[in-house]
Amino acid sequence: MRKFWLIALPVAGLVSFGAPTQASCPDWLDEDINKLRSTEQVNFCDLHDGKPMLVVNTASFCGYTGQFEALETVYQAYRERGFTVVGVPSNDFRQEADSQAKTAEICFVDYGVTFTMTAPQSVKGVDAHPVFRTLAEKSGAEPGWNFNKYLIDADARQVWHYPSNVVPDDPELTAQIEALLQIE
């Protein structure tokens, strides 16, 4: 459930309510998506919740699949401060499991992933999920392979792209996460 705040601005003769302010989620993130191997849906706005978020296109049978471990480590290191990671499996590069059951086994059993994993989606081209189309537009980089990382700031106005070969716990990436968490 998205949070919205009533903002009362002082106007001559009117009283301000003094309610806290929080920017509403931008339209491009207001997208529902099924969780991996589930009928439960989540909304990217709810996952983002006004905090920095890392969105990663994943694959079960890729040379970069081992990055699930570092993604989980980064998630655990910063989640108490509101940071989240969202994994989006994709078969755009022909390296995803044939079934959501197998994808879930690889993510949750083999790698111990606890962050949100979605049902498989297309992440590039005209069939790309709308969030990935906007991530590519905002960052200037469409996924060229599996495990592209998109770091979204708390206002969802700025997006940084980190290609597949940049590991999730790379000092440059974690420094940017820490800087975004300090801004809040």
C-alpha atoms as a PDB file:
ATOM      1  CA  MET A   1       0.000   0.000   0.000  1.00  0.00           C
ATOM      2  CA  ARG A   2       1.431   3.314  -1.054  1.00  0.00           C
ATOM      3  CA  LYS A   3       1.679   6.113   1.475  1.00  0.00           C
ATOM      4  CA  PHE A   4       0.301   9.515   0.627  1.00  0.00           C
ATOM      5  CA  TRP A   5       0.396  12.575   2.850  1.00  0.00           C
ATOM      6  CA  LEU A   6      -1.966  15.474   2.898  1.00  0.00           C
ATOM      7  CA  ILE A   7       0.016  18.662   2.563  1.00  0.00           C
ATOM      8  CA  ALA A   8      -1.710  21.734   3.895  1.00  0.00           C
ATOM      9  CA  LEU A   9      -0.152  24.958   2.746  1.00  0.00           C
ATOM     10  CA  PRO A  10      -0.821  28.119   4.736  1.00  0.00           C
ATOM     11  CA  VAL A  11      -3.221  30.386   2.927  1.00  0.00           C
ATOM     12  CA  ALA A  12      -4.501  33.695   4.252  1.00  0.00           C
ATOM     13  CA  GLY A  13      -7.265  32.955   6.735  1.00  0.00           C
ATOM     14  CA  LEU A  14      -6.683  29.182   6.712  1.00  0.00           C
ATOM     15  CA  VAL A  15      -4.899  27.014   9.260  1.00  0.00           C
ATOM     16  CA  SER A  16      -2.051  24.665   8.336  1.00  0.00           C
ATOM     17  CA  PHE A  17      -2.368  21.088   9.550  1.00  0.00           C
ATOM     18  CA  GLY A  18       1.402  20.653   9.756  1.00  0.00           C
ATOM     19  CA  ALA A  19       1.281  17.134   8.302  1.00  0.00           C
ATOM     20  CA  PRO A  20       4.607  15.545   7.315  1.00  0.00           C
ATOM     21  CA  THR A  21       5.410  15.627   3.639  1.00  0.00           C
ATOM     22  CA  GLN A  22       6.494  12.797   1.414  1.00  0.00           C
ATOM     23  CA  ALA A  23       6.735  12.912  -2.347  1.00  0.00           C
ATOM     24  CA  SER A  24       4.298  10.571  -4.008  1.00  0.00           C
ATOM     25  CA  CYS A  25       5.664   7.756  -6.086  1.00  0.00           C
ATOM     26  CA  PRO A  26       6.228   8.617  -9.754  1.00  0.00           C
ATOM     27  CA  ASP A  27       3.913   7.058 -12.327  1.00  0.00           C
ATOM     28  CA  TRP A  28       6.720   5.035 -13.908  1.00  0.00           C
ATOM     29  CA  LEU A  29       7.191   3.020 -10.695  1.00  0.00           C
ATOM     30  CA  ASP A  30       3.474   2.536 -10.092  1.00  0.00           C
ATOM     31  CA  GLU A  31       3.478  -0.935 -11.633  1.00  0.00           C
ATOM     32  CA  ASP A  32       2.191  -4.162 -10.136  1.00  0.00           C
ATOM     33  CA  ILE A  33       4.200  -7.325 -10.651  1.00  0.00           C
ATOM     34  CA  ASN A  34       3.792 -10.889  -9.471  1.00  0.00           C
ATOM     35  CA  LYS A  35       6.250 -12.281  -6.977  1.00  0.00           C
ATOM     36  CA  LEU A  36       8.270 -15.293  -8.071  1.00  0.00           C
ATOM     37  CA  ARG A  37       6.225 -18.502  -7.983  1.00  0.00           C
ATOM     38  CA  SER A  38       3.277 -16.739  -6.392  1.00  0.00           C
ATOM     39  CA  THR A  39      -0.068 -15.205  -7.236  1.00  0.00           C
ATOM     40  CA  GLU A  40       0.773 -12.381  -4.811  1.00  0.00           C
ATOM     41  CA  GLN A  41       1.467  -9.070  -6.473  1.00  0.00           C
ATOM     42  CA  VAL A  42       3.702  -6.282  -5.266  1.00  0.00           C
ATOM     43  CA  ASN A  43       3.905  -2.726  -6.516  1.00  0.00           C
ATOM     44  CA  PHE A  44       7.267  -1.133  -7.290  1.00  0.00           C
ATOM     45  CA  CYS A  45       6.124   2.013  -5.427  1.00  0.00           C
ATOM     46  CA  ASP A  46       5.552  -0.044  -2.299  1.00  0.00           C
ATOM     47  CA  LEU A  47       8.946  -1.712  -2.669  1.00  0.00           C
ATOM     48  CA  HIS A  48      10.641   1.650  -3.238  1.00  0.00           C
ATOM     49  CA  ASP A  49       8.741   3.440  -0.434  1.00  0.00           C
ATOM     50  CA  GLY A  50      10.775   6.640  -0.773  1.00  0.00           C
ATOM     51  CA  LYS A  51      14.104   4.874  -0.140  1.00  0.00           C
ATOM     52  CA  PRO A  52      16.977   3.922  -2.443  1.00  0.00           C
ATOM     53  CA  MET A  53      16.334   0.681  -4.315  1.00  0.00           C
ATOM     54  CA  LEU A  54      18.446  -1.628  -6.474  1.00  0.00           C
ATOM     55  CA  VAL A  55      16.658  -3.407  -9.346  1.00  0.00           C
ATOM     56  CA  VAL A  56      18.553  -6.245 -11.020  1.00  0.00           C
ATOM     57  CA  ASN A  57      17.693  -8.401 -14.025  1.00  0.00           C
ATOM     58  CA  THR A  58      18.707 -11.938 -13.065  1.00  0.00           C
ATOM     59  CA  ALA A  59      19.087 -15.375 -14.648  1.00  0.00           C
ATOM     60  CA  SER A  60      19.446 -18.809 -13.090  1.00  0.00           C
ATOM     61  CA  PHE A  61      22.044 -20.287 -15.450  1.00  0.00           C
ATOM     62  CA  CYS A  62      24.431 -17.437 -16.158  1.00  0.00           C
ATOM     63  CA  GLY A  63      28.094 -16.967 -15.380  1.00  0.00           C
ATOM     64  CA  TYR A  64      26.986 -14.094 -13.137  1.00  0.00           C
ATOM     65  CA  THR A  65      24.393 -16.116 -11.171  1.00  0.00           C
ATOM     66  CA  GLY A  66      26.800 -16.275  -8.236  1.00  0.00           C
ATOM     67  CA  GLN A  67      26.133 -12.543  -7.763  1.00  0.00           C
ATOM     68  CA  PHE A  68      22.980 -13.574  -5.863  1.00  0.00           C
ATOM     69  CA  GLU A  69      25.251 -14.065  -2.826  1.00  0.00           C
ATOM     70  CA  ALA A  70      26.629 -10.525  -2.981  1.00  0.00           C
ATOM     71  CA  LEU A  71      23.163  -9.088  -3.691  1.00  0.00           C
ATOM     72  CA  GLU A  72      21.903 -10.762  -0.521  1.00  0.00           C
ATOM     73  CA  THR A  73      24.915  -9.474   1.441  1.00  0.00           C
ATOM     74  CA  VAL A  74      24.287  -5.902   0.262  1.00  0.00           C
ATOM     75  CA  TYR A  75      20.579  -6.230   1.012  1.00  0.00           C
ATOM     76  CA  GLN A  76      21.277  -7.484   4.549  1.00  0.00           C
ATOM     77  CA  ALA A  77      23.828  -4.721   5.149  1.00  0.00           C
ATOM     78  CA  TYR A  78      21.426  -1.881   4.297  1.00  0.00           C
ATOM     79  CA  ARG A  79      17.858  -3.176   4.676  1.00  0.00           C
ATOM     80  CA  GLU A  80      17.491  -1.897   8.250  1.00  0.00           C
ATOM     81  CA  ARG A  81      17.951   1.594   6.797  1.00  0.00           C
ATOM     82  CA  GLY A  82      15.124   1.076   4.285  1.00  0.00           C
ATOM     83  CA  PHE A  83      17.211  -0.011   1.282  1.00  0.00           C
ATOM     84  CA  THR A  84      15.760  -2.794  -0.812  1.00  0.00           C
ATOM     85  CA  VAL A  85      16.808  -5.062  -3.653  1.00  0.00           C
ATOM     86  CA  VAL A  86      14.430  -6.397  -6.286  1.00  0.00           C
ATOM     87  CA  GLY A  87      15.474  -9.269  -8.536  1.00  0.00           C
ATOM     88  CA  VAL A  88      13.676  -9.630 -11.854  1.00  0.00           C
ATOM     89  CA  PRO A  89      14.374 -12.937 -13.613  1.00  0.00           C
ATOM     90  CA  SER A  90      14.474 -12.711 -17.376  1.00  0.00           C
ATOM     91  CA  ASN A  91      15.011 -15.131 -20.222  1.00  0.00           C
ATOM     92  CA  ASP A  92      15.920 -12.371 -22.683  1.00  0.00           C
ATOM     93  CA  PHE A  93      19.440 -13.818 -22.868  1.00  0.00           C
ATOM     94  CA  ARG A  94      18.293 -17.470 -22.855  1.00  0.00           C
ATOM     95  CA  GLN A  95      19.726 -18.348 -19.445  1.00  0.00           C
ATOM     96  CA  GLU A  96      16.654 -18.507 -17.220  1.00  0.00           C
ATOM     97  CA  ALA A  97      15.151 -21.733 -15.889  1.00  0.00           C
ATOM     98  CA  ASP A  98      12.185 -23.220 -17.749  1.00  0.00           C
ATOM     99  CA  SER A  99       9.920 -22.974 -14.726  1.00  0.00           C
ATOM    100  CA  GLN A 100       9.331 -20.545 -11.886  1.00  0.00           C
ATOM    101  CA  ALA A 101       9.693 -23.484  -9.494  1.00  0.00           C
ATOM    102  CA  LYS A 102      13.279 -24.071 -10.655  1.00  0.00           C
ATOM    103  CA  THR A 103      14.067 -20.339 -10.589  1.00  0.00           C
ATOM    104  CA  ALA A 104      12.712 -20.127  -7.027  1.00  0.00           C
ATOM    105  CA  GLU A 105      14.791 -23.143  -5.979  1.00  0.00           C
ATOM    106  CA  ILE A 106      17.971 -21.566  -7.341  1.00  0.00           C
ATOM    107  CA  CYS A 107      17.266 -18.179  -5.745  1.00  0.00           C
ATOM    108  CA  PHE A 108      15.820 -19.164  -2.390  1.00  0.00           C
ATOM    109  CA  VAL A 109      17.376 -22.566  -1.697  1.00  0.00           C
ATOM    110  CA  ASP A 110      20.723 -22.502  -3.506  1.00  0.00           C
ATOM    111  CA  TYR A 111      21.575 -18.842  -2.804  1.00  0.00           C
ATOM    112  CA  GLY A 112      19.441 -18.021   0.254  1.00  0.00           C
ATOM    113  CA  VAL A 113      17.859 -14.933  -1.303  1.00  0.00           C
ATOM    114  CA  THR A 114      15.471 -13.093   1.042  1.00  0.00           C
ATOM    115  CA  PHE A 115      14.922  -9.923  -1.012  1.00  0.00           C
ATOM    116  CA  THR A 116      11.937  -9.654  -3.362  1.00  0.00           C
ATOM    117  CA  MET A 117      12.135 -11.745  -6.504  1.00  0.00           C
ATOM    118  CA  THR A 118       9.504 -11.212  -9.176  1.00  0.00           C
ATOM    119  CA  ALA A 119       8.041 -13.496 -11.782  1.00  0.00           C
ATOM    120  CA  PRO A 120      10.134 -13.572 -14.979  1.00  0.00           C
ATOM    121  CA  GLN A 121       9.822 -10.511 -17.234  1.00  0.00           C
ATOM    122  CA  SER A 122      11.281  -9.209 -20.436  1.00  0.00           C
ATOM    123  CA  VAL A 123      13.819  -6.472 -19.621  1.00  0.00           C
ATOM    124  CA  LYS A 124      14.900  -5.168 -23.028  1.00  0.00           C
ATOM    125  CA  GLY A 125      13.422  -4.042 -26.295  1.00  0.00           C
ATOM    126  CA  VAL A 126       9.789  -3.297 -27.104  1.00  0.00           C
ATOM    127  CA  ASP A 127       8.550  -6.151 -24.893  1.00  0.00           C
ATOM    128  CA  ALA A 128      10.429  -4.905 -21.815  1.00  0.00           C
ATOM    129  CA  HIS A 129       8.480  -4.451 -18.609  1.00  0.00           C
ATOM    130  CA  PRO A 130       7.557  -0.730 -18.330  1.00  0.00           C
ATOM    131  CA  VAL A 131       9.818  -0.240 -15.305  1.00  0.00           C
ATOM    132  CA  PHE A 132      12.809  -1.576 -17.258  1.00  0.00           C
ATOM    133  CA  ARG A 133      11.984   0.639 -20.247  1.00  0.00           C
ATOM    134  CA  THR A 134      12.104   3.670 -17.939  1.00  0.00           C
ATOM    135  CA  LEU A 135      15.245   2.462 -16.135  1.00  0.00           C
ATOM    136  CA  ALA A 136      16.968   2.168 -19.521  1.00  0.00           C
ATOM    137  CA  GLU A 137      15.751   5.619 -20.534  1.00  0.00           C
ATOM    138  CA  LYS A 138      16.751   7.308 -17.262  1.00  0.00           C
ATOM    139  CA  SER A 139      20.161   5.624 -17.043  1.00  0.00           C
ATOM    140  CA  GLY A 140      20.947   5.602 -20.760  1.00  0.00           C
ATOM    141  CA  ALA A 141      21.630   1.842 -20.644  1.00  0.00           C
ATOM    142  CA  GLU A 142      19.377  -1.036 -21.607  1.00  0.00           C
ATOM    143  CA  PRO A 143      20.420  -4.414 -20.164  1.00  0.00           C
ATOM    144  CA  GLY A 144      23.063  -5.918 -22.415  1.00  0.00           C
ATOM    145  CA  TRP A 145      23.201  -9.143 -20.409  1.00  0.00           C
ATOM    146  CA  ASN A 146      22.010 -10.608 -17.123  1.00  0.00           C
ATOM    147  CA  PHE A 147      22.703  -8.956 -13.746  1.00  0.00           C
ATOM    148  CA  ASN A 148      22.533  -5.309 -14.796  1.00  0.00           C
ATOM    149  CA  LYS A 149      22.007  -3.232 -11.691  1.00  0.00           C
ATOM    150  CA  TYR A 150      19.897  -0.077 -11.549  1.00  0.00           C
ATOM    151  CA  LEU A 151      20.218   2.020  -8.410  1.00  0.00           C
ATOM    152  CA  ILE A 152      17.251   4.365  -7.909  1.00  0.00           C
ATOM    153  CA  ASP A 153      17.453   7.322  -5.542  1.00  0.00           C
ATOM    154  CA  ALA A 154      14.850   8.007  -2.846  1.00  0.00           C
ATOM    155  CA  ASP A 155      12.855  10.395  -5.080  1.00  0.00           C
ATOM    156  CA  ALA A 156      13.024   8.002  -8.068  1.00  0.00           C
ATOM    157  CA  ARG A 157      14.364  10.874 -10.152  1.00  0.00           C
ATOM    158  CA  GLN A 158      17.892   9.614 -10.677  1.00  0.00           C
ATOM    159  CA  VAL A 159      19.027   6.170 -11.795  1.00  0.00           C
ATOM    160  CA  TRP A 160      22.571   4.816 -11.908  1.00  0.00           C
ATOM    161  CA  HIS A 161      23.391   1.832 -14.112  1.00  0.00           C
ATOM    162  CA  TYR A 162      26.011  -0.759 -13.216  1.00  0.00           C
ATOM    163  CA  PRO A 163      26.682  -3.426 -15.864  1.00  0.00           C
ATOM    164  CA  SER A 164      26.857  -7.168 -15.279  1.00  0.00           C
ATOM    165  CA  ASN A 165      30.573  -7.243 -14.553  1.00  0.00           C
ATOM    166  CA  VAL A 166      30.214  -4.829 -11.614  1.00  0.00           C
ATOM    167  CA  VAL A 167      29.619  -7.007  -8.567  1.00  0.00           C
ATOM    168  CA  PRO A 168      26.904  -5.899  -6.123  1.00  0.00           C
ATOM    169  CA  ASP A 169      29.418  -5.270  -3.335  1.00  0.00           C
ATOM    170  CA  ASP A 170      31.757  -3.247  -5.559  1.00  0.00           C
ATOM    171  CA  PRO A 171      33.106  -0.290  -3.527  1.00  0.00           C
ATOM    172  CA  GLU A 172      31.820   2.277  -6.048  1.00  0.00           C
ATOM    173  CA  LEU A 173      28.287   0.829  -5.936  1.00  0.00           C
ATOM    174  CA  THR A 174      28.175   0.471  -2.150  1.00  0.00           C
ATOM    175  CA  ALA A 175      29.567   3.998  -1.729  1.00  0.00           C
ATOM    176  CA  GLN A 176      26.714   5.321  -3.881  1.00  0.00           C
ATOM    177  CA  ILE A 177      24.178   3.338  -1.813  1.00  0.00           C
ATOM    178  CA  GLU A 178      25.648   4.745   1.403  1.00  0.00           C
ATOM    179  CA  ALA A 179      25.625   8.287  -0.011  1.00  0.00           C
ATOM    180  CA  LEU A 180      21.948   7.946  -0.940  1.00  0.00           C
ATOM    181  CA  LEU A 181      21.089   6.612   2.498  1.00  0.00           C
ATOM    182  CA  GLN A 182      22.881   9.594   4.103  1.00  0.00           C
ATOM    183  CA  ILE A 183      20.834  12.101   2.084  1.00  0.00           C
ATOM    184  CA  GLU A 184      17.622  11.000   3.722  1.00  0.00           C
END
